[in-house]
Amino acid sequence: MALSDRELRLLAEMEQALSADDPALVSTLSGTRRRGPGAAIGVVALIVGIATLFAGLIAQVTAVGVVGFIFALVGVIVLANAISAAAKGARQGSFAKRPRGKGFGKGFTQGFEDRWDQRNNG
């Protein structure tokens, strides 16, 4: 069932108000999140983890080595997530610049509407 012009206009106004009030929610729902210094934190955690791991090996304290390994592992995971998010962001562009379905400017709800139509029509 198609929306009337009035309903489409109200929906667009609600989307603009939501974008102005809570941009973090809009970016989460659209799949694009603004990332902080994830790569830098990952590199620092990796270096601290490796240094702690070697300190544990030199001091022959297993617990320190395990903690160093965990730091290094967390650093690698954070770094990999930051790199993949940067690559994904470069492929997709920003939320406002992406084409949205059949028409431009219909908002982030277009994907939900398309899935609803596919589920009900076929």
PDB file of N, CA and C in Angstrom:
ATOM      1  N   MET A   1       0.835  -1.165   0.000  1.00  0.00           N
ATOM      2  CA  MET A   1       0.000   0.000   0.000  1.00  0.00           C
ATOM      3  C   MET A   1       0.887   1.238   0.000  1.00  0.00           C
ATOM      4  N   ALA A   2       0.708   2.108  -0.958  1.00  0.00           N
ATOM      5  CA  ALA A   2       1.529   3.297  -1.105  1.00  0.00           C
ATOM      6  C   ALA A   2       1.099   4.375  -0.114  1.00  0.00           C
ATOM      7  N   LEU A   3       2.049   5.212   0.258  1.00  0.00           N
ATOM      8  CA  LEU A   3       1.751   6.315   1.155  1.00  0.00           C
ATOM      9  C   LEU A   3       1.263   7.517   0.358  1.00  0.00           C
ATOM     10  N   SER A   4       0.403   8.298   0.973  1.00  0.00           N
ATOM     11  CA  SER A   4      -0.082   9.500   0.304  1.00  0.00           C
ATOM     12  C   SER A   4       1.010  10.567   0.330  1.00  0.00           C
ATOM     13  N   ASP A   5       0.811  11.634  -0.431  1.00  0.00           N
ATOM     14  CA  ASP A   5       1.791  12.716  -0.465  1.00  0.00           C
ATOM     15  C   ASP A   5       1.959  13.354   0.908  1.00  0.00           C
ATOM     16  N   ARG A   6       0.877  13.503   1.614  1.00  0.00           N
ATOM     17  CA  ARG A   6       0.937  14.079   2.961  1.00  0.00           C
ATOM     18  C   ARG A   6       1.754  13.186   3.888  1.00  0.00           C
ATOM     19  N   GLU A   7       1.527  11.879   3.818  1.00  0.00           N
ATOM     20  CA  GLU A   7       2.264  10.939   4.660  1.00  0.00           C
ATOM     21  C   GLU A   7       3.744  10.922   4.305  1.00  0.00           C
ATOM     22  N   LEU A   8       4.054  10.993   3.025  1.00  0.00           N
ATOM     23  CA  LEU A   8       5.451  11.045   2.608  1.00  0.00           C
ATOM     24  C   LEU A   8       6.121  12.314   3.127  1.00  0.00           C
ATOM     25  N   ARG A   9       5.412  13.434   3.056  1.00  0.00           N
ATOM     26  CA  ARG A   9       5.960  14.694   3.537  1.00  0.00           C
ATOM     27  C   ARG A   9       6.185  14.639   5.055  1.00  0.00           C
ATOM     28  N   LEU A  10       5.219  14.092   5.797  1.00  0.00           N
ATOM     29  CA  LEU A  10       5.377  13.942   7.243  1.00  0.00           C
ATOM     30  C   LEU A  10       6.534  13.017   7.594  1.00  0.00           C
ATOM     31  N   LEU A  11       6.663  11.954   6.847  1.00  0.00           N
ATOM     32  CA  LEU A  11       7.766  11.020   7.082  1.00  0.00           C
ATOM     33  C   LEU A  11       9.108  11.693   6.835  1.00  0.00           C
ATOM     34  N   ALA A  12       9.204  12.493   5.769  1.00  0.00           N
ATOM     35  CA  ALA A  12      10.447  13.211   5.477  1.00  0.00           C
ATOM     36  C   ALA A  12      10.762  14.222   6.576  1.00  0.00           C
ATOM     37  N   GLU A  13       9.731  14.908   7.081  1.00  0.00           N
ATOM     38  CA  GLU A  13       9.943  15.857   8.171  1.00  0.00           C
ATOM     39  C   GLU A  13      10.409  15.152   9.439  1.00  0.00           C
ATOM     40  N   MET A  14       9.813  14.000   9.728  1.00  0.00           N
ATOM     41  CA  MET A  14      10.228  13.233  10.905  1.00  0.00           C
ATOM     42  C   MET A  14      11.667  12.766  10.763  1.00  0.00           C
ATOM     43  N   GLU A  15      12.042  12.347   9.556  1.00  0.00           N
ATOM     44  CA  GLU A  15      13.415  11.895   9.329  1.00  0.00           C
ATOM     45  C   GLU A  15      14.401  13.044   9.505  1.00  0.00           C
ATOM     46  N   GLN A  16      14.067  14.224   8.995  1.00  0.00           N
ATOM     47  CA  GLN A  16      14.949  15.379   9.157  1.00  0.00           C
ATOM     48  C   GLN A  16      15.074  15.763  10.623  1.00  0.00           C
ATOM     49  N   ALA A  17      13.967  15.706  11.367  1.00  0.00           N
ATOM     50  CA  ALA A  17      14.012  16.025  12.791  1.00  0.00           C
ATOM     51  C   ALA A  17      14.867  15.005  13.541  1.00  0.00           C
ATOM     52  N   LEU A  18      14.735  13.745  13.186  1.00  0.00           N
ATOM     53  CA  LEU A  18      15.546  12.709  13.821  1.00  0.00           C
ATOM     54  C   LEU A  18      17.021  12.906  13.501  1.00  0.00           C
ATOM     55  N   SER A  19      17.320  13.239  12.266  1.00  0.00           N
ATOM     56  CA  SER A  19      18.712  13.482  11.883  1.00  0.00           C
ATOM     57  C   SER A  19      19.300  14.650  12.656  1.00  0.00           C
ATOM     58  N   ALA A  20      18.500  15.676  12.881  1.00  0.00           N
ATOM     59  CA  ALA A  20      18.986  16.841  13.617  1.00  0.00           C
ATOM     60  C   ALA A  20      19.116  16.533  15.111  1.00  0.00           C
ATOM     61  N   ASP A  21      18.177  15.774  15.666  1.00  0.00           N
ATOM     62  CA  ASP A  21      18.176  15.500  17.104  1.00  0.00           C
ATOM     63  C   ASP A  21      19.198  14.449  17.518  1.00  0.00           C
ATOM     64  N   ASP A  22      19.327  13.376  16.746  1.00  0.00           N
ATOM     65  CA  ASP A  22      20.182  12.263  17.144  1.00  0.00           C
ATOM     66  C   ASP A  22      20.931  11.697  15.938  1.00  0.00           C
ATOM     67  N   PRO A  23      22.002  12.363  15.493  1.00  0.00           N
ATOM     68  CA  PRO A  23      22.736  11.862  14.334  1.00  0.00           C
ATOM     69  C   PRO A  23      23.415  10.516  14.588  1.00  0.00           C
ATOM     70  N   ALA A  24      23.738  10.215  15.840  1.00  0.00           N
ATOM     71  CA  ALA A  24      24.366   8.928  16.145  1.00  0.00           C
ATOM     72  C   ALA A  24      23.399   7.777  15.878  1.00  0.00           C
ATOM     73  N   LEU A  25      22.128   7.967  16.227  1.00  0.00           N
ATOM     74  CA  LEU A  25      21.127   6.933  15.964  1.00  0.00           C
ATOM     75  C   LEU A  25      20.938   6.735  14.466  1.00  0.00           C
ATOM     76  N   VAL A  26      20.886   7.828  13.724  1.00  0.00           N
ATOM     77  CA  VAL A  26      20.721   7.734  12.272  1.00  0.00           C
ATOM     78  C   VAL A  26      21.902   7.004  11.653  1.00  0.00           C
ATOM     79  N   SER A  27      23.114   7.313  12.107  1.00  0.00           N
ATOM     80  CA  SER A  27      24.276   6.638  11.535  1.00  0.00           C
ATOM     81  C   SER A  27      24.290   5.163  11.909  1.00  0.00           C
ATOM     82  N   THR A  28      23.813   4.815  13.102  1.00  0.00           N
ATOM     83  CA  THR A  28      23.741   3.418  13.498  1.00  0.00           C
ATOM     84  C   THR A  28      22.717   2.662  12.661  1.00  0.00           C
ATOM     85  N   LEU A  29      21.553   3.270  12.464  1.00  0.00           N
ATOM     86  CA  LEU A  29      20.510   2.614  11.679  1.00  0.00           C
ATOM     87  C   LEU A  29      20.878   2.508  10.211  1.00  0.00           C
ATOM     88  N   SER A  30      21.636   3.462   9.706  1.00  0.00           N
ATOM     89  CA  SER A  30      22.010   3.428   8.294  1.00  0.00           C
ATOM     90  C   SER A  30      23.199   2.515   8.042  1.00  0.00           C
ATOM     91  N   GLY A  31      23.881   2.080   9.106  1.00  0.00           N
ATOM     92  CA  GLY A  31      25.011   1.177   8.928  1.00  0.00           C
ATOM     93  C   GLY A  31      26.339   1.892   8.813  1.00  0.00           C
ATOM     94  N   THR A  32      26.357   3.190   8.857  1.00  0.00           N
ATOM     95  CA  THR A  32      27.605   3.938   8.808  1.00  0.00           C
ATOM     96  C   THR A  32      27.793   4.628  10.134  1.00  0.00           C
ATOM     97  N   ARG A  33      28.846   4.260  10.802  1.00  0.00           N
ATOM     98  CA  ARG A  33      29.126   4.891  12.070  1.00  0.00           C
ATOM     99  C   ARG A  33      30.390   5.720  11.932  1.00  0.00           C
ATOM    100  N   ARG A  34      30.366   6.825  12.636  1.00  0.00           N
ATOM    101  CA  ARG A  34      31.547   7.672  12.647  1.00  0.00           C
ATOM    102  C   ARG A  34      32.525   7.083  13.653  1.00  0.00           C
ATOM    103  N   ARG A  35      33.696   6.769  13.174  1.00  0.00           N
ATOM    104  CA  ARG A  35      34.676   6.110  14.034  1.00  0.00           C
ATOM    105  C   ARG A  35      35.654   7.123  14.604  1.00  0.00           C
ATOM    106  N   GLY A  36      36.076   6.840  15.809  1.00  0.00           N
ATOM    107  CA  GLY A  36      37.088   7.665  16.449  1.00  0.00           C
ATOM    108  C   GLY A  36      38.472   7.159  16.071  1.00  0.00           C
ATOM    109  N   PRO A  37      39.417   7.386  16.923  1.00  0.00           N
ATOM    110  CA  PRO A  37      40.800   6.994  16.633  1.00  0.00           C
ATOM    111  C   PRO A  37      41.033   5.504  16.887  1.00  0.00           C
ATOM    112  N   GLY A  38      40.241   4.647  16.252  1.00  0.00           N
ATOM    113  CA  GLY A  38      40.327   3.208  16.489  1.00  0.00           C
ATOM    114  C   GLY A  38      41.653   2.606  16.063  1.00  0.00           C
ATOM    115  N   ALA A  39      42.192   3.074  14.942  1.00  0.00           N
ATOM    116  CA  ALA A  39      43.456   2.526  14.457  1.00  0.00           C
ATOM    117  C   ALA A  39      44.586   2.868  15.418  1.00  0.00           C
ATOM    118  N   ALA A  40      44.601   4.091  15.926  1.00  0.00           N
ATOM    119  CA  ALA A  40      45.659   4.499  16.852  1.00  0.00           C
ATOM    120  C   ALA A  40      45.576   3.708  18.158  1.00  0.00           C
ATOM    121  N   ILE A  41      44.359   3.523  18.654  1.00  0.00           N
ATOM    122  CA  ILE A  41      44.187   2.744  19.885  1.00  0.00           C
ATOM    123  C   ILE A  41      44.614   1.301  19.660  1.00  0.00           C
ATOM    124  N   GLY A  42      44.280   0.747  18.494  1.00  0.00           N
ATOM    125  CA  GLY A  42      44.678  -0.622  18.177  1.00  0.00           C
ATOM    126  C   GLY A  42      46.184  -0.788  18.113  1.00  0.00           C
ATOM    127  N   VAL A  43      46.858   0.167  17.487  1.00  0.00           N
ATOM    128  CA  VAL A  43      48.325   0.095  17.386  1.00  0.00           C
ATOM    129  C   VAL A  43      48.961   0.211  18.766  1.00  0.00           C
ATOM    130  N   VAL A  44      48.472   1.149  19.582  1.00  0.00           N
ATOM    131  CA  VAL A  44      49.025   1.316  20.926  1.00  0.00           C
ATOM    132  C   VAL A  44      48.806   0.052  21.761  1.00  0.00           C
ATOM    133  N   ALA A  45      47.602  -0.505  21.697  1.00  0.00           N
ATOM    134  CA  ALA A  45      47.336  -1.731  22.463  1.00  0.00           C
ATOM    135  C   ALA A  45      48.201  -2.885  21.987  1.00  0.00           C
ATOM    136  N   LEU A  46      48.425  -2.964  20.675  1.00  0.00           N
ATOM    137  CA  LEU A  46      49.274  -4.019  20.135  1.00  0.00           C
ATOM    138  C   LEU A  46      50.712  -3.875  20.628  1.00  0.00           C
ATOM    139  N   ILE A  47      51.249  -2.657  20.594  1.00  0.00           N
ATOM    140  CA  ILE A  47      52.637  -2.429  21.044  1.00  0.00           C
ATOM    141  C   ILE A  47      52.774  -2.692  22.539  1.00  0.00           C
ATOM    142  N   VAL A  48      51.807  -2.199  23.328  1.00  0.00           N
ATOM    143  CA  VAL A  48      51.852  -2.439  24.776  1.00  0.00           C
ATOM    144  C   VAL A  48      51.729  -3.936  25.067  1.00  0.00           C
ATOM    145  N   GLY A  49      50.874  -4.617  24.336  1.00  0.00           N
ATOM    146  CA  GLY A  49      50.708  -6.048  24.538  1.00  0.00           C
ATOM    147  C   GLY A  49      51.956  -6.844  24.226  1.00  0.00           C
ATOM    148  N   ILE A  50      52.609  -6.502  23.106  1.00  0.00           N
ATOM    149  CA  ILE A  50      53.851  -7.220  22.755  1.00  0.00           C
ATOM    150  C   ILE A  50      54.935  -6.929  23.783  1.00  0.00           C
ATOM    151  N   ALA A  51      55.049  -5.669  24.214  1.00  0.00           N
ATOM    152  CA  ALA A  51      56.063  -5.327  25.229  1.00  0.00           C
ATOM    153  C   ALA A  51      55.786  -6.061  26.541  1.00  0.00           C
ATOM    154  N   THR A  52      54.521  -6.133  26.929  1.00  0.00           N
ATOM    155  CA  THR A  52      54.166  -6.842  28.163  1.00  0.00           C
ATOM    156  C   THR A  52      54.399  -8.343  28.026  1.00  0.00           C
ATOM    157  N   LEU A  53      54.120  -8.865  26.848  1.00  0.00           N
ATOM    158  CA  LEU A  53      54.359 -10.288  26.597  1.00  0.00           C
ATOM    159  C   LEU A  53      55.844 -10.622  26.743  1.00  0.00           C
ATOM    160  N   PHE A  54      56.691  -9.789  26.143  1.00  0.00           N
ATOM    161  CA  PHE A  54      58.138 -10.035  26.261  1.00  0.00           C
ATOM    162  C   PHE A  54      58.633  -9.808  27.687  1.00  0.00           C
ATOM    163  N   ALA A  55      58.033  -8.830  28.381  1.00  0.00           N
ATOM    164  CA  ALA A  55      58.415  -8.619  29.783  1.00  0.00           C
ATOM    165  C   ALA A  55      58.067  -9.848  30.617  1.00  0.00           C
ATOM    166  N   GLY A  56      56.931 -10.431  30.347  1.00  0.00           N
ATOM    167  CA  GLY A  56      56.553 -11.650  31.058  1.00  0.00           C
ATOM    168  C   GLY A  56      57.478 -12.814  30.740  1.00  0.00           C
ATOM    169  N   LEU A  57      57.921 -12.889  29.465  1.00  0.00           N
ATOM    170  CA  LEU A  57      58.861 -13.952  29.091  1.00  0.00           C
ATOM    171  C   LEU A  57      60.210 -13.763  29.764  1.00  0.00           C
ATOM    172  N   ILE A  58      60.687 -12.526  29.793  1.00  0.00           N
ATOM    173  CA  ILE A  58      61.993 -12.257  30.393  1.00  0.00           C
ATOM    174  C   ILE A  58      61.945 -12.492  31.897  1.00  0.00           C
ATOM    175  N   ALA A  59      60.876 -12.036  32.538  1.00  0.00           N
ATOM    176  CA  ALA A  59      60.762 -12.203  33.989  1.00  0.00           C
ATOM    177  C   ALA A  59      60.294 -13.601  34.372  1.00  0.00           C
ATOM    178  N   GLN A  60      59.935 -14.393  33.401  1.00  0.00           N
ATOM    179  CA  GLN A  60      59.436 -15.742  33.593  1.00  0.00           C
ATOM    180  C   GLN A  60      58.212 -15.775  34.525  1.00  0.00           C
ATOM    181  N   VAL A  61      57.300 -14.820  34.274  1.00  0.00           N
ATOM    182  CA  VAL A  61      56.037 -14.755  35.005  1.00  0.00           C
ATOM    183  C   VAL A  61      54.937 -14.997  33.979  1.00  0.00           C
ATOM    184  N   THR A  62      54.296 -16.138  34.077  1.00  0.00           N
ATOM    185  CA  THR A  62      53.312 -16.555  33.091  1.00  0.00           C
ATOM    186  C   THR A  62      52.109 -15.610  33.038  1.00  0.00           C
ATOM    187  N   ALA A  63      51.659 -15.139  34.186  1.00  0.00           N
ATOM    188  CA  ALA A  63      50.484 -14.269  34.226  1.00  0.00           C
ATOM    189  C   ALA A  63      50.722 -12.973  33.457  1.00  0.00           C
ATOM    190  N   VAL A  64      51.911 -12.420  33.572  1.00  0.00           N
ATOM    191  CA  VAL A  64      52.238 -11.187  32.847  1.00  0.00           C
ATOM    192  C   VAL A  64      52.263 -11.461  31.339  1.00  0.00           C
ATOM    193  N   GLY A  65      52.783 -12.589  30.940  1.00  0.00           N
ATOM    194  CA  GLY A  65      52.796 -12.957  29.530  1.00  0.00           C
ATOM    195  C   GLY A  65      51.394 -13.145  28.968  1.00  0.00           C
ATOM    196  N   VAL A  66      50.518 -13.757  29.747  1.00  0.00           N
ATOM    197  CA  VAL A  66      49.130 -13.950  29.310  1.00  0.00           C
ATOM    198  C   VAL A  66      48.423 -12.609  29.171  1.00  0.00           C
ATOM    199  N   VAL A  67      48.628 -11.712  30.111  1.00  0.00           N
ATOM    200  CA  VAL A  67      48.028 -10.374  30.032  1.00  0.00           C
ATOM    201  C   VAL A  67      48.562  -9.640  28.800  1.00  0.00           C
ATOM    202  N   GLY A  68      49.846  -9.767  28.535  1.00  0.00           N
ATOM    203  CA  GLY A  68      50.422  -9.142  27.339  1.00  0.00           C
ATOM    204  C   GLY A  68      49.825  -9.711  26.066  1.00  0.00           C
ATOM    205  N   PHE A  69      49.636 -11.015  26.029  1.00  0.00           N
ATOM    206  CA  PHE A  69      49.015 -11.636  24.861  1.00  0.00           C
ATOM    207  C   PHE A  69      47.594 -11.127  24.657  1.00  0.00           C
ATOM    208  N   ILE A  70      46.838 -10.984  25.743  1.00  0.00           N
ATOM    209  CA  ILE A  70      45.458 -10.489  25.648  1.00  0.00           C
ATOM    210  C   ILE A  70      45.445  -9.049  25.133  1.00  0.00           C
ATOM    211  N   PHE A  71      46.354  -8.203  25.637  1.00  0.00           N
ATOM    212  CA  PHE A  71      46.450  -6.831  25.136  1.00  0.00           C
ATOM    213  C   PHE A  71      46.765  -6.818  23.643  1.00  0.00           C
ATOM    214  N   ALA A  72      47.715  -7.635  23.241  1.00  0.00           N
ATOM    215  CA  ALA A  72      48.088  -7.677  21.828  1.00  0.00           C
ATOM    216  C   ALA A  72      46.923  -8.171  20.974  1.00  0.00           C
ATOM    217  N   LEU A  73      46.205  -9.162  21.439  1.00  0.00           N
ATOM    218  CA  LEU A  73      45.058  -9.690  20.701  1.00  0.00           C
ATOM    219  C   LEU A  73      43.957  -8.637  20.559  1.00  0.00           C
ATOM    220  N   VAL A  74      43.657  -7.931  21.643  1.00  0.00           N
ATOM    221  CA  VAL A  74      42.660  -6.857  21.590  1.00  0.00           C
ATOM    222  C   VAL A  74      43.120  -5.759  20.629  1.00  0.00           C
ATOM    223  N   GLY A  75      44.390  -5.440  20.655  1.00  0.00           N
ATOM    224  CA  GLY A  75      44.923  -4.431  19.738  1.00  0.00           C
ATOM    225  C   GLY A  75      44.759  -4.829  18.286  1.00  0.00           C
ATOM    226  N   VAL A  76      45.015  -6.082  17.966  1.00  0.00           N
ATOM    227  CA  VAL A  76      44.853  -6.568  16.590  1.00  0.00           C
ATOM    228  C   VAL A  76      43.383  -6.513  16.173  1.00  0.00           C
ATOM    229  N   ILE A  77      42.485  -6.904  17.062  1.00  0.00           N
ATOM    230  CA  ILE A  77      41.054  -6.885  16.741  1.00  0.00           C
ATOM    231  C   ILE A  77      40.569  -5.460  16.514  1.00  0.00           C
ATOM    232  N   VAL A  78      40.946  -4.532  17.397  1.00  0.00           N
ATOM    233  CA  VAL A  78      40.539  -3.130  17.244  1.00  0.00           C
ATOM    234  C   VAL A  78      41.108  -2.546  15.954  1.00  0.00           C
ATOM    235  N   LEU A  79      42.352  -2.847  15.655  1.00  0.00           N
ATOM    236  CA  LEU A  79      42.985  -2.346  14.436  1.00  0.00           C
ATOM    237  C   LEU A  79      42.305  -2.912  13.191  1.00  0.00           C
ATOM    238  N   ALA A  80      41.984  -4.191  13.204  1.00  0.00           N
ATOM    239  CA  ALA A  80      41.298  -4.800  12.056  1.00  0.00           C
ATOM    240  C   ALA A  80      39.904  -4.206  11.857  1.00  0.00           C
ATOM    241  N   ASN A  81      39.183  -3.969  12.947  1.00  0.00           N
ATOM    242  CA  ASN A  81      37.865  -3.343  12.837  1.00  0.00           C
ATOM    243  C   ASN A  81      37.958  -1.929  12.292  1.00  0.00           C
ATOM    244  N   ALA A  82      38.951  -1.175  12.732  1.00  0.00           N
ATOM    245  CA  ALA A  82      39.115   0.198  12.250  1.00  0.00           C
ATOM    246  C   ALA A  82      39.461   0.222  10.768  1.00  0.00           C
ATOM    247  N   ILE A  83      40.314  -0.696  10.345  1.00  0.00           N
ATOM    248  CA  ILE A  83      40.693  -0.741   8.925  1.00  0.00           C
ATOM    249  C   ILE A  83      39.508  -1.171   8.067  1.00  0.00           C
ATOM    250  N   SER A  84      38.768  -2.166   8.511  1.00  0.00           N
ATOM    251  CA  SER A  84      37.610  -2.603   7.715  1.00  0.00           C
ATOM    252  C   SER A  84      36.516  -1.540   7.680  1.00  0.00           C
ATOM    253  N   ALA A  85      36.333  -0.809   8.785  1.00  0.00           N
ATOM    254  CA  ALA A  85      35.338   0.270   8.795  1.00  0.00           C
ATOM    255  C   ALA A  85      35.762   1.396   7.863  1.00  0.00           C
ATOM    256  N   ALA A  86      37.050   1.695   7.817  1.00  0.00           N
ATOM    257  CA  ALA A  86      37.527   2.744   6.916  1.00  0.00           C
ATOM    258  C   ALA A  86      37.363   2.314   5.463  1.00  0.00           C
ATOM    259  N   ALA A  87      37.630   1.053   5.175  1.00  0.00           N
ATOM    260  CA  ALA A  87      37.455   0.560   3.805  1.00  0.00           C
ATOM    261  C   ALA A  87      35.985   0.540   3.424  1.00  0.00           C
ATOM    262  N   LYS A  88      35.120   0.160   4.348  1.00  0.00           N
ATOM    263  CA  LYS A  88      33.684   0.136   4.075  1.00  0.00           C
ATOM    264  C   LYS A  88      33.161   1.547   3.868  1.00  0.00           C
ATOM    265  N   GLY A  89      33.621   2.482   4.677  1.00  0.00           N
ATOM    266  CA  GLY A  89      33.205   3.870   4.531  1.00  0.00           C
ATOM    267  C   GLY A  89      33.674   4.468   3.220  1.00  0.00           C
ATOM    268  N   ALA A  90      34.846   4.094   2.761  1.00  0.00           N
ATOM    269  CA  ALA A  90      35.348   4.609   1.486  1.00  0.00           C
ATOM    270  C   ALA A  90      34.546   4.042   0.324  1.00  0.00           C
ATOM    271  N   ARG A  91      34.064   2.800   0.453  1.00  0.00           N
ATOM    272  CA  ARG A  91      33.259   2.200  -0.619  1.00  0.00           C
ATOM    273  C   ARG A  91      31.866   2.806  -0.683  1.00  0.00           C
ATOM    274  N   GLN A  92      31.252   3.018   0.478  1.00  0.00           N
ATOM    275  CA  GLN A  92      29.851   3.411   0.517  1.00  0.00           C
ATOM    276  C   GLN A  92      29.641   4.912   0.503  1.00  0.00           C
ATOM    277  N   GLY A  93      30.562   5.688   1.002  1.00  0.00           N
ATOM    278  CA  GLY A  93      30.326   7.117   1.118  1.00  0.00           C
ATOM    279  C   GLY A  93      29.524   7.403   2.364  1.00  0.00           C
ATOM    280  N   SER A  94      29.109   8.611   2.525  1.00  0.00           N
ATOM    281  CA  SER A  94      28.370   8.985   3.721  1.00  0.00           C
ATOM    282  C   SER A  94      26.891   8.688   3.559  1.00  0.00           C
ATOM    283  N   PHE A  95      26.161   8.812   4.649  1.00  0.00           N
ATOM    284  CA  PHE A  95      24.724   8.518   4.670  1.00  0.00           C
ATOM    285  C   PHE A  95      23.975   9.438   3.716  1.00  0.00           C
ATOM    286  N   ALA A  96      24.322  10.696   3.695  1.00  0.00           N
ATOM    287  CA  ALA A  96      23.585  11.663   2.890  1.00  0.00           C
ATOM    288  C   ALA A  96      23.878  11.534   1.396  1.00  0.00           C
ATOM    289  N   LYS A  97      24.978  10.932   1.027  1.00  0.00           N
ATOM    290  CA  LYS A  97      25.377  10.870  -0.369  1.00  0.00           C
ATOM    291  C   LYS A  97      24.981   9.584  -1.066  1.00  0.00           C
ATOM    292  N   ARG A  98      24.512   8.587  -0.323  1.00  0.00           N
ATOM    293  CA  ARG A  98      24.186   7.303  -0.934  1.00  0.00           C
ATOM    294  C   ARG A  98      22.858   7.355  -1.656  1.00  0.00           C
ATOM    295  N   PRO A  99      22.773   6.728  -2.841  1.00  0.00           N
ATOM    296  CA  PRO A  99      21.462   6.610  -3.460  1.00  0.00           C
ATOM    297  C   PRO A  99      20.606   5.642  -2.657  1.00  0.00           C
ATOM    298  N   ARG A 100      19.317   5.921  -2.584  1.00  0.00           N
ATOM    299  CA  ARG A 100      18.432   5.133  -1.738  1.00  0.00           C
ATOM    300  C   ARG A 100      17.323   4.520  -2.565  1.00  0.00           C
ATOM    301  N   GLY A 101      17.526   3.353  -3.032  1.00  0.00           N
ATOM    302  CA  GLY A 101      16.456   2.608  -3.691  1.00  0.00           C
ATOM    303  C   GLY A 101      16.017   3.223  -4.999  1.00  0.00           C
ATOM    304  N   LYS A 102      14.694   3.290  -5.177  1.00  0.00           N
ATOM    305  CA  LYS A 102      14.125   3.721  -6.442  1.00  0.00           C
ATOM    306  C   LYS A 102      14.259   5.219  -6.649  1.00  0.00           C
ATOM    307  N   GLY A 103      14.277   6.013  -5.606  1.00  0.00           N
ATOM    308  CA  GLY A 103      14.374   7.455  -5.743  1.00  0.00           C
ATOM    309  C   GLY A 103      15.377   8.002  -4.741  1.00  0.00           C
ATOM    310  N   PHE A 104      15.870   9.177  -4.998  1.00  0.00           N
ATOM    311  CA  PHE A 104      16.829   9.774  -4.085  1.00  0.00           C
ATOM    312  C   PHE A 104      16.090  10.562  -3.022  1.00  0.00           C
ATOM    313  N   GLY A 105      16.648  10.565  -1.807  1.00  0.00           N
ATOM    314  CA  GLY A 105      16.082  11.373  -0.753  1.00  0.00           C
ATOM    315  C   GLY A 105      14.880  10.771  -0.046  1.00  0.00           C
ATOM    316  N   LYS A 106      14.621   9.494  -0.192  1.00  0.00           N
ATOM    317  CA  LYS A 106      13.461   8.893   0.467  1.00  0.00           C
ATOM    318  C   LYS A 106      13.740   8.534   1.913  1.00  0.00           C
ATOM    319  N   GLY A 107      14.991   8.492   2.316  1.00  0.00           N
ATOM    320  CA  GLY A 107      15.315   8.260   3.712  1.00  0.00           C
ATOM    321  C   GLY A 107      15.775   6.844   3.990  1.00  0.00           C
ATOM    322  N   PHE A 108      16.183   6.657   5.244  1.00  0.00           N
ATOM    323  CA  PHE A 108      16.751   5.368   5.624  1.00  0.00           C
ATOM    324  C   PHE A 108      15.691   4.302   5.815  1.00  0.00           C
ATOM    325  N   THR A 109      14.430   4.657   5.764  1.00  0.00           N
ATOM    326  CA  THR A 109      13.371   3.658   5.916  1.00  0.00           C
ATOM    327  C   THR A 109      13.057   2.932   4.622  1.00  0.00           C
ATOM    328  N   GLN A 110      13.648   3.370   3.508  1.00  0.00           N
ATOM    329  CA  GLN A 110      13.347   2.763   2.211  1.00  0.00           C
ATOM    330  C   GLN A 110      13.717   1.276   2.188  1.00  0.00           C
ATOM    331  N   GLY A 111      14.836   0.916   2.815  1.00  0.00           N
ATOM    332  CA  GLY A 111      15.219  -0.489   2.859  1.00  0.00           C
ATOM    333  C   GLY A 111      14.209  -1.343   3.592  1.00  0.00           C
ATOM    334  N   PHE A 112      13.673  -0.804   4.706  1.00  0.00           N
ATOM    335  CA  PHE A 112      12.651  -1.532   5.451  1.00  0.00           C
ATOM    336  C   PHE A 112      11.387  -1.706   4.604  1.00  0.00           C
ATOM    337  N   GLU A 113      11.025  -0.634   3.903  1.00  0.00           N
ATOM    338  CA  GLU A 113       9.838  -0.706   3.060  1.00  0.00           C
ATOM    339  C   GLU A 113      10.021  -1.715   1.934  1.00  0.00           C
ATOM    340  N   ASP A 114      11.213  -1.743   1.334  1.00  0.00           N
ATOM    341  CA  ASP A 114      11.479  -2.694   0.255  1.00  0.00           C
ATOM    342  C   ASP A 114      11.386  -4.136   0.757  1.00  0.00           C
ATOM    343  N   ARG A 115      11.972  -4.391   1.940  1.00  0.00           N
ATOM    344  CA  ARG A 115      11.906  -5.749   2.499  1.00  0.00           C
ATOM    345  C   ARG A 115      10.478  -6.138   2.849  1.00  0.00           C
ATOM    346  N   TRP A 116       9.710  -5.171   3.356  1.00  0.00           N
ATOM    347  CA  TRP A 116       8.312  -5.439   3.673  1.00  0.00           C
ATOM    348  C   TRP A 116       7.541  -5.792   2.408  1.00  0.00           C
ATOM    349  N   ASP A 117       7.756  -5.035   1.343  1.00  0.00           N
ATOM    350  CA  ASP A 117       7.077  -5.306   0.083  1.00  0.00           C
ATOM    351  C   ASP A 117       7.472  -6.673  -0.476  1.00  0.00           C
ATOM    352  N   GLN A 118       8.754  -7.025  -0.389  1.00  0.00           N
ATOM    353  CA  GLN A 118       9.203  -8.335  -0.893  1.00  0.00           C
ATOM    354  C   GLN A 118       8.570  -9.461  -0.092  1.00  0.00           C
ATOM    355  N   ARG A 119       8.476  -9.291   1.215  1.00  0.00           N
ATOM    356  CA  ARG A 119       7.910 -10.322   2.072  1.00  0.00           C
ATOM    357  C   ARG A 119       6.433 -10.511   1.790  1.00  0.00           C
ATOM    358  N   ASN A 120       5.713  -9.436   1.566  1.00  0.00           N
ATOM    359  CA  ASN A 120       4.274  -9.524   1.378  1.00  0.00           C
ATOM    360  C   ASN A 120       3.873  -9.841  -0.064  1.00  0.00           C
ATOM    361  N   ASN A 121       4.704  -9.479  -1.030  1.00  0.00           N
ATOM    362  CA  ASN A 121       4.340  -9.670  -2.438  1.00  0.00           C
ATOM    363  C   ASN A 121       4.975 -10.917  -3.052  1.00  0.00           C
ATOM    364  N   GLY A 122       5.945 -11.459  -2.438  1.00  0.00           N
ATOM    365  CA  GLY A 122       6.542 -12.598  -3.122  1.00  0.00           C
ATOM    366  C   GLY A 122       7.328 -13.414  -2.262  1.00  0.00           C
TER     367      GLY A 122
END
